[in-house]
Amino acid sequence: MTKKSKKSRKSRNDSFFERVYEVVKCIPEGRVTTYGAIARFTGSPQSSRMVGWAMNASHHCPGQVPAHRVVNRQGILTGKNHFRHPDLMQELLESEGIQVDNDRIVNFNRVFWDPYKELI
């Protein structure tokens, strides 16, 4: 792979990550969304895993990206191991009034935030 193609791929990933971060910054306190919902909203419905990569990288970004508000489609805290300590994601969610039991959001459908409904 040439330097030019590596740079091009990095630019595409960076712009995708930035779009993801802008959506995540809109999630209100006390609500959560999913990797897939963000991927669909950004126009890349097959990119849920890339949204996860963006969340993992968000801890190194300037500004606040509330990555703790992004969970998998079943409401499971799959990203918890990418925080400073494994309980931090749950602690942050609970501090916002979201109940978590056994790494899963309780009443997930009630606190789910859909970017399509909220941002369009």
PDB file of N, CA and C in Angstrom:
ATOM      1  N   MET A   1       0.846  -1.183   0.000  1.00  0.00           N
ATOM      2  CA  MET A   1       0.000   0.000   0.000  1.00  0.00           C
ATOM      3  C   MET A   1       0.888   1.242   0.000  1.00  0.00           C
ATOM      4  N   THR A   2       0.565   2.187  -0.819  1.00  0.00           N
ATOM      5  CA  THR A   2       1.364   3.405  -0.925  1.00  0.00           C
ATOM      6  C   THR A   2       1.024   4.368   0.202  1.00  0.00           C
ATOM      7  N   LYS A   3       1.931   5.326   0.421  1.00  0.00           N
ATOM      8  CA  LYS A   3       1.674   6.342   1.437  1.00  0.00           C
ATOM      9  C   LYS A   3       0.411   7.124   1.108  1.00  0.00           C
ATOM     10  N   LYS A   4       0.205   7.390  -0.186  1.00  0.00           N
ATOM     11  CA  LYS A   4      -0.965   8.164  -0.601  1.00  0.00           C
ATOM     12  C   LYS A   4      -2.258   7.426  -0.267  1.00  0.00           C
ATOM     13  N   SER A   5      -2.324   6.109  -0.535  1.00  0.00           N
ATOM     14  CA  SER A   5      -3.558   5.371  -0.247  1.00  0.00           C
ATOM     15  C   SER A   5      -3.770   5.222   1.254  1.00  0.00           C
ATOM     16  N   LYS A   6      -2.687   5.088   2.036  1.00  0.00           N
ATOM     17  CA  LYS A   6      -2.828   5.048   3.497  1.00  0.00           C
ATOM     18  C   LYS A   6      -3.377   6.368   4.011  1.00  0.00           C
ATOM     19  N   LYS A   7      -2.860   7.463   3.461  1.00  0.00           N
ATOM     20  CA  LYS A   7      -3.327   8.780   3.885  1.00  0.00           C
ATOM     21  C   LYS A   7      -4.790   8.979   3.509  1.00  0.00           C
ATOM     22  N   SER A   8      -5.170   8.529   2.323  1.00  0.00           N
ATOM     23  CA  SER A   8      -6.557   8.649   1.873  1.00  0.00           C
ATOM     24  C   SER A   8      -7.491   7.867   2.787  1.00  0.00           C
ATOM     25  N   ARG A   9      -7.099   6.643   3.149  1.00  0.00           N
ATOM     26  CA  ARG A   9      -7.928   5.840   4.044  1.00  0.00           C
ATOM     27  C   ARG A   9      -8.038   6.507   5.405  1.00  0.00           C
ATOM     28  N   LYS A  10      -6.922   7.032   5.917  1.00  0.00           N
ATOM     29  CA  LYS A  10      -6.937   7.716   7.211  1.00  0.00           C
ATOM     30  C   LYS A  10      -7.872   8.920   7.162  1.00  0.00           C
ATOM     31  N   SER A  11      -7.844   9.679   6.088  1.00  0.00           N
ATOM     32  CA  SER A  11      -8.732  10.837   5.956  1.00  0.00           C
ATOM     33  C   SER A  11     -10.192  10.419   5.958  1.00  0.00           C
ATOM     34  N   ARG A  12     -10.514   9.341   5.244  1.00  0.00           N
ATOM     35  CA  ARG A  12     -11.901   8.857   5.227  1.00  0.00           C
ATOM     36  C   ARG A  12     -12.332   8.423   6.613  1.00  0.00           C
ATOM     37  N   ASN A  13     -11.457   7.691   7.319  1.00  0.00           N
ATOM     38  CA  ASN A  13     -11.786   7.253   8.675  1.00  0.00           C
ATOM     39  C   ASN A  13     -11.945   8.447   9.601  1.00  0.00           C
ATOM     40  N   ASP A  14     -11.031   9.422   9.491  1.00  0.00           N
ATOM     41  CA  ASP A  14     -11.109  10.605  10.335  1.00  0.00           C
ATOM     42  C   ASP A  14     -12.421  11.338  10.118  1.00  0.00           C
ATOM     43  N   SER A  15     -12.839  11.520   8.877  1.00  0.00           N
ATOM     44  CA  SER A  15     -14.087  12.242   8.616  1.00  0.00           C
ATOM     45  C   SER A  15     -15.280  11.422   9.095  1.00  0.00           C
ATOM     46  N   PHE A  16     -15.223  10.094   8.950  1.00  0.00           N
ATOM     47  CA  PHE A  16     -16.296   9.248   9.466  1.00  0.00           C
ATOM     48  C   PHE A  16     -16.361   9.369  10.985  1.00  0.00           C
ATOM     49  N   PHE A  17     -15.209   9.280  11.643  1.00  0.00           N
ATOM     50  CA  PHE A  17     -15.168   9.410  13.099  1.00  0.00           C
ATOM     51  C   PHE A  17     -15.729  10.756  13.528  1.00  0.00           C
ATOM     52  N   GLU A  18     -15.384  11.817  12.823  1.00  0.00           N
ATOM     53  CA  GLU A  18     -15.900  13.148  13.172  1.00  0.00           C
ATOM     54  C   GLU A  18     -17.425  13.196  13.048  1.00  0.00           C
ATOM     55  N   ARG A  19     -17.982  12.586  12.005  1.00  0.00           N
ATOM     56  CA  ARG A  19     -19.445  12.539  11.859  1.00  0.00           C
ATOM     57  C   ARG A  19     -20.065  11.762  13.017  1.00  0.00           C
ATOM     58  N   VAL A  20     -19.434  10.672  13.386  1.00  0.00           N
ATOM     59  CA  VAL A  20     -19.910   9.868  14.523  1.00  0.00           C
ATOM     60  C   VAL A  20     -19.877  10.712  15.795  1.00  0.00           C
ATOM     61  N   TYR A  21     -18.779  11.408  16.039  1.00  0.00           N
ATOM     62  CA  TYR A  21     -18.651  12.213  17.255  1.00  0.00           C
ATOM     63  C   TYR A  21     -19.719  13.307  17.317  1.00  0.00           C
ATOM     64  N   GLU A  22     -20.027  13.902  16.187  1.00  0.00           N
ATOM     65  CA  GLU A  22     -21.063  14.944  16.179  1.00  0.00           C
ATOM     66  C   GLU A  22     -22.419  14.374  16.579  1.00  0.00           C
ATOM     67  N   VAL A  23     -22.741  13.162  16.146  1.00  0.00           N
ATOM     68  CA  VAL A  23     -23.998  12.513  16.546  1.00  0.00           C
ATOM     69  C   VAL A  23     -23.964  12.195  18.034  1.00  0.00           C
ATOM     70  N   VAL A  24     -22.875  11.599  18.488  1.00  0.00           N
ATOM     71  CA  VAL A  24     -22.772  11.193  19.898  1.00  0.00           C
ATOM     72  C   VAL A  24     -22.881  12.399  20.823  1.00  0.00           C
ATOM     73  N   LYS A  25     -22.329  13.516  20.429  1.00  0.00           N
ATOM     74  CA  LYS A  25     -22.428  14.730  21.249  1.00  0.00           C
ATOM     75  C   LYS A  25     -23.860  15.224  21.390  1.00  0.00           C
ATOM     76  N   CYS A  26     -24.752  14.779  20.512  1.00  0.00           N
ATOM     77  CA  CYS A  26     -26.162  15.194  20.564  1.00  0.00           C
ATOM     78  C   CYS A  26     -27.014  14.314  21.475  1.00  0.00           C
ATOM     79  N   ILE A  27     -26.488  13.167  21.888  1.00  0.00           N
ATOM     80  CA  ILE A  27     -27.272  12.259  22.740  1.00  0.00           C
ATOM     81  C   ILE A  27     -27.487  12.944  24.082  1.00  0.00           C
ATOM     82  N   PRO A  28     -28.751  13.138  24.467  1.00  0.00           N
ATOM     83  CA  PRO A  28     -28.995  13.828  25.739  1.00  0.00           C
ATOM     84  C   PRO A  28     -28.615  12.979  26.953  1.00  0.00           C
ATOM     85  N   GLU A  29     -28.307  13.650  28.020  1.00  0.00           N
ATOM     86  CA  GLU A  29     -28.037  12.968  29.282  1.00  0.00           C
ATOM     87  C   GLU A  29     -29.245  12.110  29.643  1.00  0.00           C
ATOM     88  N   GLY A  30     -28.979  10.906  30.126  1.00  0.00           N
ATOM     89  CA  GLY A  30     -30.058  10.004  30.519  1.00  0.00           C
ATOM     90  C   GLY A  30     -30.633   9.194  29.377  1.00  0.00           C
ATOM     91  N   ARG A  31     -30.005   9.265  28.217  1.00  0.00           N
ATOM     92  CA  ARG A  31     -30.448   8.500  27.044  1.00  0.00           C
ATOM     93  C   ARG A  31     -29.250   7.752  26.466  1.00  0.00           C
ATOM     94  N   VAL A  32     -29.520   6.704  25.690  1.00  0.00           N
ATOM     95  CA  VAL A  32     -28.469   5.943  25.013  1.00  0.00           C
ATOM     96  C   VAL A  32     -28.894   5.659  23.584  1.00  0.00           C
ATOM     97  N   THR A  33     -27.910   5.366  22.756  1.00  0.00           N
ATOM     98  CA  THR A  33     -28.185   4.919  21.402  1.00  0.00           C
ATOM     99  C   THR A  33     -27.260   3.752  21.094  1.00  0.00           C
ATOM    100  N   THR A  34     -27.354   3.236  19.873  1.00  0.00           N
ATOM    101  CA  THR A  34     -26.578   2.059  19.503  1.00  0.00           C
ATOM    102  C   THR A  34     -25.571   2.380  18.410  1.00  0.00           C
ATOM    103  N   TYR A  35     -24.597   1.508  18.298  1.00  0.00           N
ATOM    104  CA  TYR A  35     -23.609   1.626  17.224  1.00  0.00           C
ATOM    105  C   TYR A  35     -24.324   1.615  15.868  1.00  0.00           C
ATOM    106  N   GLY A  36     -25.292   0.708  15.728  1.00  0.00           N
ATOM    107  CA  GLY A  36     -26.015   0.582  14.463  1.00  0.00           C
ATOM    108  C   GLY A  36     -26.854   1.798  14.129  1.00  0.00           C
ATOM    109  N   ALA A  37     -27.508   2.386  15.120  1.00  0.00           N
ATOM    110  CA  ALA A  37     -28.326   3.575  14.870  1.00  0.00           C
ATOM    111  C   ALA A  37     -27.450   4.727  14.390  1.00  0.00           C
ATOM    112  N   ILE A  38     -26.266   4.859  14.957  1.00  0.00           N
ATOM    113  CA  ILE A  38     -25.345   5.905  14.514  1.00  0.00           C
ATOM    114  C   ILE A  38     -24.853   5.605  13.105  1.00  0.00           C
ATOM    115  N   ALA A  39     -24.503   4.354  12.841  1.00  0.00           N
ATOM    116  CA  ALA A  39     -24.031   3.973  11.505  1.00  0.00           C
ATOM    117  C   ALA A  39     -25.092   4.279  10.451  1.00  0.00           C
ATOM    118  N   ARG A  40     -26.337   3.924  10.730  1.00  0.00           N
ATOM    119  CA  ARG A  40     -27.424   4.207   9.770  1.00  0.00           C
ATOM    120  C   ARG A  40     -27.580   5.708   9.560  1.00  0.00           C
ATOM    121  N   PHE A  41     -27.535   6.469  10.634  1.00  0.00           N
ATOM    122  CA  PHE A  41     -27.722   7.912  10.535  1.00  0.00           C
ATOM    123  C   PHE A  41     -26.608   8.574   9.725  1.00  0.00           C
ATOM    124  N   THR A  42     -25.396   8.069   9.839  1.00  0.00           N
ATOM    125  CA  THR A  42     -24.276   8.655   9.105  1.00  0.00           C
ATOM    126  C   THR A  42     -24.227   8.185   7.660  1.00  0.00           C
ATOM    127  N   GLY A  43     -25.183   7.361   7.257  1.00  0.00           N
ATOM    128  CA  GLY A  43     -25.232   6.906   5.870  1.00  0.00           C
ATOM    129  C   GLY A  43     -24.375   5.689   5.587  1.00  0.00           C
ATOM    130  N   SER A  44     -23.908   5.025   6.635  1.00  0.00           N
ATOM    131  CA  SER A  44     -23.064   3.832   6.490  1.00  0.00           C
ATOM    132  C   SER A  44     -23.642   2.698   7.323  1.00  0.00           C
ATOM    133  N   PRO A  45     -24.801   2.164   6.922  1.00  0.00           N
ATOM    134  CA  PRO A  45     -25.497   1.192   7.776  1.00  0.00           C
ATOM    135  C   PRO A  45     -24.709  -0.083   8.080  1.00  0.00           C
ATOM    136  N   GLN A  46     -23.705  -0.387   7.292  1.00  0.00           N
ATOM    137  CA  GLN A  46     -22.900  -1.587   7.541  1.00  0.00           C
ATOM    138  C   GLN A  46     -21.671  -1.296   8.406  1.00  0.00           C
ATOM    139  N   SER A  47     -21.613  -0.117   8.978  1.00  0.00           N
ATOM    140  CA  SER A  47     -20.393   0.316   9.672  1.00  0.00           C
ATOM    141  C   SER A  47     -20.523   0.381  11.189  1.00  0.00           C
ATOM    142  N   SER A  48     -21.347  -0.446  11.769  1.00  0.00           N
ATOM    143  CA  SER A  48     -21.493  -0.442  13.228  1.00  0.00           C
ATOM    144  C   SER A  48     -20.162  -0.663  13.935  1.00  0.00           C
ATOM    145  N   ARG A  49     -19.366  -1.569  13.410  1.00  0.00           N
ATOM    146  CA  ARG A  49     -18.079  -1.858  14.032  1.00  0.00           C
ATOM    147  C   ARG A  49     -17.161  -0.632  13.972  1.00  0.00           C
ATOM    148  N   MET A  50     -17.215   0.107  12.870  1.00  0.00           N
ATOM    149  CA  MET A  50     -16.400   1.327  12.766  1.00  0.00           C
ATOM    150  C   MET A  50     -16.858   2.372  13.772  1.00  0.00           C
ATOM    151  N   VAL A  51     -18.166   2.408  14.047  1.00  0.00           N
ATOM    152  CA  VAL A  51     -18.658   3.317  15.093  1.00  0.00           C
ATOM    153  C   VAL A  51     -18.025   2.916  16.423  1.00  0.00           C
ATOM    154  N   GLY A  52     -17.931   1.625  16.681  1.00  0.00           N
ATOM    155  CA  GLY A  52     -17.267   1.147  17.891  1.00  0.00           C
ATOM    156  C   GLY A  52     -15.814   1.579  17.941  1.00  0.00           C
ATOM    157  N   TRP A  53     -15.127   1.500  16.811  1.00  0.00           N
ATOM    158  CA  TRP A  53     -13.729   1.951  16.768  1.00  0.00           C
ATOM    159  C   TRP A  53     -13.646   3.448  17.062  1.00  0.00           C
ATOM    160  N   ALA A  54     -14.603   4.183  16.525  1.00  0.00           N
ATOM    161  CA  ALA A  54     -14.627   5.633  16.786  1.00  0.00           C
ATOM    162  C   ALA A  54     -14.827   5.892  18.279  1.00  0.00           C
ATOM    163  N   MET A  55     -15.712   5.121  18.914  1.00  0.00           N
ATOM    164  CA  MET A  55     -15.930   5.301  20.352  1.00  0.00           C
ATOM    165  C   MET A  55     -14.656   4.976  21.129  1.00  0.00           C
ATOM    166  N   ASN A  56     -13.944   3.921  20.731  1.00  0.00           N
ATOM    167  CA  ASN A  56     -12.692   3.570  21.401  1.00  0.00           C
ATOM    168  C   ASN A  56     -11.671   4.693  21.268  1.00  0.00           C
ATOM    169  N   ALA A  57     -11.639   5.333  20.117  1.00  0.00           N
ATOM    170  CA  ALA A  57     -10.680   6.415  19.866  1.00  0.00           C
ATOM    171  C   ALA A  57     -11.126   7.742  20.469  1.00  0.00           C
ATOM    172  N   SER A  58     -12.381   7.854  20.842  1.00  0.00           N
ATOM    173  CA  SER A  58     -12.920   9.139  21.306  1.00  0.00           C
ATOM    174  C   SER A  58     -12.282   9.623  22.603  1.00  0.00           C
ATOM    175  N   HIS A  59     -11.712   8.726  23.362  1.00  0.00           N
ATOM    176  CA  HIS A  59     -11.095   9.104  24.630  1.00  0.00           C
ATOM    177  C   HIS A  59      -9.849   9.965  24.417  1.00  0.00           C
ATOM    178  N   HIS A  60      -9.346   9.984  23.192  1.00  0.00           N
ATOM    179  CA  HIS A  60      -8.142  10.755  22.874  1.00  0.00           C
ATOM    180  C   HIS A  60      -8.470  12.034  22.105  1.00  0.00           C
ATOM    181  N   CYS A  61      -9.753  12.328  21.938  1.00  0.00           N
ATOM    182  CA  CYS A  61     -10.169  13.505  21.167  1.00  0.00           C
ATOM    183  C   CYS A  61     -10.287  14.726  22.061  1.00  0.00           C
ATOM    184  N   PRO A  62     -10.021  15.881  21.475  1.00  0.00           N
ATOM    185  CA  PRO A  62     -10.303  17.108  22.236  1.00  0.00           C
ATOM    186  C   PRO A  62     -11.807  17.284  22.360  1.00  0.00           C
ATOM    187  N   GLY A  63     -12.238  17.811  23.458  1.00  0.00           N
ATOM    188  CA  GLY A  63     -13.678  17.983  23.664  1.00  0.00           C
ATOM    189  C   GLY A  63     -14.292  16.725  24.249  1.00  0.00           C
ATOM    190  N   GLN A  64     -15.494  16.874  24.714  1.00  0.00           N
ATOM    191  CA  GLN A  64     -16.196  15.790  25.397  1.00  0.00           C
ATOM    192  C   GLN A  64     -17.045  14.992  24.413  1.00  0.00           C
ATOM    193  N   VAL A  65     -16.767  13.706  24.272  1.00  0.00           N
ATOM    194  CA  VAL A  65     -17.587  12.796  23.480  1.00  0.00           C
ATOM    195  C   VAL A  65     -18.144  11.780  24.462  1.00  0.00           C
ATOM    196  N   PRO A  66     -19.461  11.812  24.743  1.00  0.00           N
ATOM    197  CA  PRO A  66     -20.032  10.914  25.754  1.00  0.00           C
ATOM    198  C   PRO A  66     -20.185   9.478  25.244  1.00  0.00           C
ATOM    199  N   ALA A  67     -19.050   8.815  25.039  1.00  0.00           N
ATOM    200  CA  ALA A  67     -19.029   7.452  24.496  1.00  0.00           C
ATOM    201  C   ALA A  67     -19.788   6.461  25.377  1.00  0.00           C
ATOM    202  N   HIS A  68     -19.936   6.781  26.651  1.00  0.00           N
ATOM    203  CA  HIS A  68     -20.658   5.873  27.554  1.00  0.00           C
ATOM    204  C   HIS A  68     -22.128   5.734  27.176  1.00  0.00           C
ATOM    205  N   ARG A  69     -22.644   6.631  26.353  1.00  0.00           N
ATOM    206  CA  ARG A  69     -24.052   6.586  25.947  1.00  0.00           C
ATOM    207  C   ARG A  69     -24.291   5.745  24.698  1.00  0.00           C
ATOM    208  N   VAL A  70     -23.273   5.028  24.234  1.00  0.00           N
ATOM    209  CA  VAL A  70     -23.402   4.192  23.043  1.00  0.00           C
ATOM    210  C   VAL A  70     -23.208   2.736  23.451  1.00  0.00           C
ATOM    211  N   VAL A  71     -24.225   1.926  23.157  1.00  0.00           N
ATOM    212  CA  VAL A  71     -24.236   0.516  23.546  1.00  0.00           C
ATOM    213  C   VAL A  71     -24.595  -0.342  22.335  1.00  0.00           C
ATOM    214  N   ASN A  72     -24.598  -1.653  22.501  1.00  0.00           N
ATOM    215  CA  ASN A  72     -24.975  -2.493  21.370  1.00  0.00           C
ATOM    216  C   ASN A  72     -26.504  -2.560  21.227  1.00  0.00           C
ATOM    217  N   ARG A  73     -26.975  -3.218  20.194  1.00  0.00           N
ATOM    218  CA  ARG A  73     -28.413  -3.211  19.864  1.00  0.00           C
ATOM    219  C   ARG A  73     -29.290  -3.885  20.911  1.00  0.00           C
ATOM    220  N   GLN A  74     -28.685  -4.601  21.832  1.00  0.00           N
ATOM    221  CA  GLN A  74     -29.435  -5.239  22.914  1.00  0.00           C
ATOM    222  C   GLN A  74     -29.323  -4.452  24.218  1.00  0.00           C
ATOM    223  N   GLY A  75     -28.655  -3.313  24.160  1.00  0.00           N
ATOM    224  CA  GLY A  75     -28.488  -2.503  25.361  1.00  0.00           C
ATOM    225  C   GLY A  75     -27.368  -2.963  26.263  1.00  0.00           C
ATOM    226  N   ILE A  76     -26.454  -3.747  25.727  1.00  0.00           N
ATOM    227  CA  ILE A  76     -25.340  -4.273  26.522  1.00  0.00           C
ATOM    228  C   ILE A  76     -24.144  -3.323  26.429  1.00  0.00           C
ATOM    229  N   LEU A  77     -23.466  -3.139  27.537  1.00  0.00           N
ATOM    230  CA  LEU A  77     -22.315  -2.240  27.628  1.00  0.00           C
ATOM    231  C   LEU A  77     -21.065  -2.918  27.060  1.00  0.00           C
ATOM    232  N   THR A  78     -21.060  -3.140  25.759  1.00  0.00           N
ATOM    233  CA  THR A  78     -19.959  -3.862  25.123  1.00  0.00           C
ATOM    234  C   THR A  78     -18.670  -3.050  25.090  1.00  0.00           C
ATOM    235  N   GLY A  79     -18.734  -1.740  25.215  1.00  0.00           N
ATOM    236  CA  GLY A  79     -17.537  -0.910  25.159  1.00  0.00           C
ATOM    237  C   GLY A  79     -16.903  -0.640  26.504  1.00  0.00           C
ATOM    238  N   LYS A  80     -17.403  -1.246  27.559  1.00  0.00           N
ATOM    239  CA  LYS A  80     -16.958  -0.899  28.914  1.00  0.00           C
ATOM    240  C   LYS A  80     -15.476  -1.130  29.163  1.00  0.00           C
ATOM    241  N   ASN A  81     -14.874  -2.059  28.472  1.00  0.00           N
ATOM    242  CA  ASN A  81     -13.454  -2.355  28.704  1.00  0.00           C
ATOM    243  C   ASN A  81     -12.525  -1.326  28.071  1.00  0.00           C
ATOM    244  N   HIS A  82     -13.074  -0.375  27.332  1.00  0.00           N
ATOM    245  CA  HIS A  82     -12.258   0.657  26.706  1.00  0.00           C
ATOM    246  C   HIS A  82     -12.246   1.948  27.528  1.00  0.00           C
ATOM    247  N   PHE A  83     -12.824   1.904  28.712  1.00  0.00           N
ATOM    248  CA  PHE A  83     -12.787   3.045  29.631  1.00  0.00           C
ATOM    249  C   PHE A  83     -11.627   2.846  30.604  1.00  0.00           C
ATOM    250  N   ARG A  84     -11.303   3.872  31.367  1.00  0.00           N
ATOM    251  CA  ARG A  84     -10.164   3.788  32.303  1.00  0.00           C
ATOM    252  C   ARG A  84     -10.260   2.575  33.209  1.00  0.00           C
ATOM    253  N   HIS A  85     -11.451   2.272  33.664  1.00  0.00           N
ATOM    254  CA  HIS A  85     -11.671   1.034  34.403  1.00  0.00           C
ATOM    255  C   HIS A  85     -13.022   0.479  33.969  1.00  0.00           C
ATOM    256  N   PRO A  86     -13.206  -0.842  34.034  1.00  0.00           N
ATOM    257  CA  PRO A  86     -14.377  -1.490  33.445  1.00  0.00           C
ATOM    258  C   PRO A  86     -15.730  -1.063  34.022  1.00  0.00           C
ATOM    259  N   ASP A  87     -15.744  -0.497  35.225  1.00  0.00           N
ATOM    260  CA  ASP A  87     -17.021  -0.087  35.813  1.00  0.00           C
ATOM    261  C   ASP A  87     -17.385   1.360  35.499  1.00  0.00           C
ATOM    262  N   LEU A  88     -16.477   2.103  34.887  1.00  0.00           N
ATOM    263  CA  LEU A  88     -16.715   3.533  34.651  1.00  0.00           C
ATOM    264  C   LEU A  88     -17.903   3.784  33.731  1.00  0.00           C
ATOM    265  N   MET A  89     -18.061   2.997  32.683  1.00  0.00           N
ATOM    266  CA  MET A  89     -19.186   3.198  31.763  1.00  0.00           C
ATOM    267  C   MET A  89     -20.514   3.080  32.518  1.00  0.00           C
ATOM    268  N   GLN A  90     -20.646   2.039  33.316  1.00  0.00           N
ATOM    269  CA  GLN A  90     -21.860   1.846  34.100  1.00  0.00           C
ATOM    270  C   GLN A  90     -22.053   2.985  35.103  1.00  0.00           C
ATOM    271  N   GLU A  91     -20.989   3.392  35.761  1.00  0.00           N
ATOM    272  CA  GLU A  91     -21.081   4.480  36.740  1.00  0.00           C
ATOM    273  C   GLU A  91     -21.562   5.773  36.087  1.00  0.00           C
ATOM    274  N   LEU A  92     -21.031   6.080  34.913  1.00  0.00           N
ATOM    275  CA  LEU A  92     -21.447   7.293  34.202  1.00  0.00           C
ATOM    276  C   LEU A  92     -22.917   7.228  33.810  1.00  0.00           C
ATOM    277  N   LEU A  93     -23.357   6.078  33.312  1.00  0.00           N
ATOM    278  CA  LEU A  93     -24.765   5.920  32.940  1.00  0.00           C
ATOM    279  C   LEU A  93     -25.665   6.038  34.167  1.00  0.00           C
ATOM    280  N   GLU A  94     -25.288   5.391  35.252  1.00  0.00           N
ATOM    281  CA  GLU A  94     -26.105   5.443  36.464  1.00  0.00           C
ATOM    282  C   GLU A  94     -26.142   6.853  37.040  1.00  0.00           C
ATOM    283  N   SER A  95     -25.066   7.612  36.881  1.00  0.00           N
ATOM    284  CA  SER A  95     -25.072   8.993  37.371  1.00  0.00           C
ATOM    285  C   SER A  95     -26.053   9.860  36.579  1.00  0.00           C
ATOM    286  N   GLU A  96     -26.450   9.384  35.401  1.00  0.00           N
ATOM    287  CA  GLU A  96     -27.436  10.086  34.575  1.00  0.00           C
ATOM    288  C   GLU A  96     -28.839   9.508  34.749  1.00  0.00           C
ATOM    289  N   GLY A  97     -28.986   8.579  35.690  1.00  0.00           N
ATOM    290  CA  GLY A  97     -30.305   8.020  35.966  1.00  0.00           C
ATOM    291  C   GLY A  97     -30.656   6.781  35.159  1.00  0.00           C
ATOM    292  N   ILE A  98     -29.710   6.227  34.439  1.00  0.00           N
ATOM    293  CA  ILE A  98     -29.957   5.012  33.653  1.00  0.00           C
ATOM    294  C   ILE A  98     -29.605   3.814  34.523  1.00  0.00           C
ATOM    295  N   GLN A  99     -30.559   2.917  34.632  1.00  0.00           N
ATOM    296  CA  GLN A  99     -30.349   1.724  35.450  1.00  0.00           C
ATOM    297  C   GLN A  99     -29.676   0.642  34.613  1.00  0.00           C
ATOM    298  N   VAL A 100     -28.634   0.029  35.185  1.00  0.00           N
ATOM    299  CA  VAL A 100     -27.870  -1.027  34.513  1.00  0.00           C
ATOM    300  C   VAL A 100     -27.852  -2.239  35.427  1.00  0.00           C
ATOM    301  N   ASP A 101     -28.133  -3.403  34.850  1.00  0.00           N
ATOM    302  CA  ASP A 101     -28.094  -4.649  35.607  1.00  0.00           C
ATOM    303  C   ASP A 101     -27.333  -5.682  34.787  1.00  0.00           C
ATOM    304  N   ASN A 102     -26.279  -6.227  35.369  1.00  0.00           N
ATOM    305  CA  ASN A 102     -25.483  -7.247  34.704  1.00  0.00           C
ATOM    306  C   ASN A 102     -25.002  -6.779  33.322  1.00  0.00           C
ATOM    307  N   ASP A 103     -24.473  -5.560  33.265  1.00  0.00           N
ATOM    308  CA  ASP A 103     -23.933  -4.944  32.043  1.00  0.00           C
ATOM    309  C   ASP A 103     -24.983  -4.702  30.955  1.00  0.00           C
ATOM    310  N   ARG A 104     -26.255  -4.621  31.327  1.00  0.00           N
ATOM    311  CA  ARG A 104     -27.320  -4.392  30.353  1.00  0.00           C
ATOM    312  C   ARG A 104     -28.218  -3.255  30.846  1.00  0.00           C
ATOM    313  N   ILE A 105     -28.588  -2.373  29.917  1.00  0.00           N
ATOM    314  CA  ILE A 105     -29.486  -1.263  30.236  1.00  0.00           C
ATOM    315  C   ILE A 105     -30.868  -1.825  30.576  1.00  0.00           C
ATOM    316  N   VAL A 106     -31.392  -1.451  31.738  1.00  0.00           N
ATOM    317  CA  VAL A 106     -32.745  -1.828  32.135  1.00  0.00           C
ATOM    318  C   VAL A 106     -33.695  -0.850  31.436  1.00  0.00           C
ATOM    319  N   ASN A 107     -34.806  -1.339  30.929  1.00  0.00           N
ATOM    320  CA  ASN A 107     -35.763  -0.510  30.186  1.00  0.00           C
ATOM    321  C   ASN A 107     -35.104   0.165  28.987  1.00  0.00           C
ATOM    322  N   PHE A 108     -34.322  -0.612  28.256  1.00  0.00           N
ATOM    323  CA  PHE A 108     -33.554  -0.095  27.134  1.00  0.00           C
ATOM    324  C   PHE A 108     -34.433   0.667  26.136  1.00  0.00           C
ATOM    325  N   ASN A 109     -35.593   0.125  25.800  1.00  0.00           N
ATOM    326  CA  ASN A 109     -36.463   0.797  24.824  1.00  0.00           C
ATOM    327  C   ASN A 109     -36.940   2.163  25.304  1.00  0.00           C
ATOM    328  N   ARG A 110     -37.066   2.328  26.595  1.00  0.00           N
ATOM    329  CA  ARG A 110     -37.526   3.600  27.156  1.00  0.00           C
ATOM    330  C   ARG A 110     -36.448   4.687  27.072  1.00  0.00           C
ATOM    331  N   VAL A 111     -35.183   4.309  27.198  1.00  0.00           N
ATOM    332  CA  VAL A 111     -34.104   5.301  27.182  1.00  0.00           C
ATOM    333  C   VAL A 111     -33.374   5.374  25.841  1.00  0.00           C
ATOM    334  N   PHE A 112     -33.807   4.545  24.881  1.00  0.00           N
ATOM    335  CA  PHE A 112     -33.162   4.550  23.569  1.00  0.00           C
ATOM    336  C   PHE A 112     -33.428   5.871  22.855  1.00  0.00           C
ATOM    337  N   TRP A 113     -32.395   6.452  22.293  1.00  0.00           N
ATOM    338  CA  TRP A 113     -32.443   7.712  21.561  1.00  0.00           C
ATOM    339  C   TRP A 113     -32.099   7.407  20.108  1.00  0.00           C
ATOM    340  N   ASP A 114     -33.026   7.678  19.211  1.00  0.00           N
ATOM    341  CA  ASP A 114     -32.835   7.378  17.789  1.00  0.00           C
ATOM    342  C   ASP A 114     -32.454   8.655  17.048  1.00  0.00           C
ATOM    343  N   PRO A 115     -31.236   8.722  16.509  1.00  0.00           N
ATOM    344  CA  PRO A 115     -30.810   9.941  15.827  1.00  0.00           C
ATOM    345  C   PRO A 115     -31.726  10.332  14.650  1.00  0.00           C
ATOM    346  N   TYR A 116     -32.300   9.327  13.968  1.00  0.00           N
ATOM    347  CA  TYR A 116     -33.200   9.656  12.859  1.00  0.00           C
ATOM    348  C   TYR A 116     -34.415  10.432  13.331  1.00  0.00           C
ATOM    349  N   LYS A 117     -34.977  10.028  14.448  1.00  0.00           N
ATOM    350  CA  LYS A 117     -36.163  10.710  14.974  1.00  0.00           C
ATOM    351  C   LYS A 117     -35.822  12.043  15.616  1.00  0.00           C
ATOM    352  N   GLU A 118     -34.652  12.123  16.211  1.00  0.00           N
ATOM    353  CA  GLU A 118     -34.288  13.307  16.993  1.00  0.00           C
ATOM    354  C   GLU A 118     -33.546  14.378  16.214  1.00  0.00           C
ATOM    355  N   LEU A 119     -32.815  13.985  15.185  1.00  0.00           N
ATOM    356  CA  LEU A 119     -31.971  14.945  14.483  1.00  0.00           C
ATOM    357  C   LEU A 119     -32.485  15.347  13.089  1.00  0.00           C
ATOM    358  N   ILE A 120     -33.508  14.660  12.620  1.00  0.00           N
ATOM    359  CA  ILE A 120     -34.040  15.018  11.289  1.00  0.00           C
ATOM    360  C   ILE A 120     -35.396  15.679  11.442  1.00  0.00           C
TER     361      ILE A 120
END
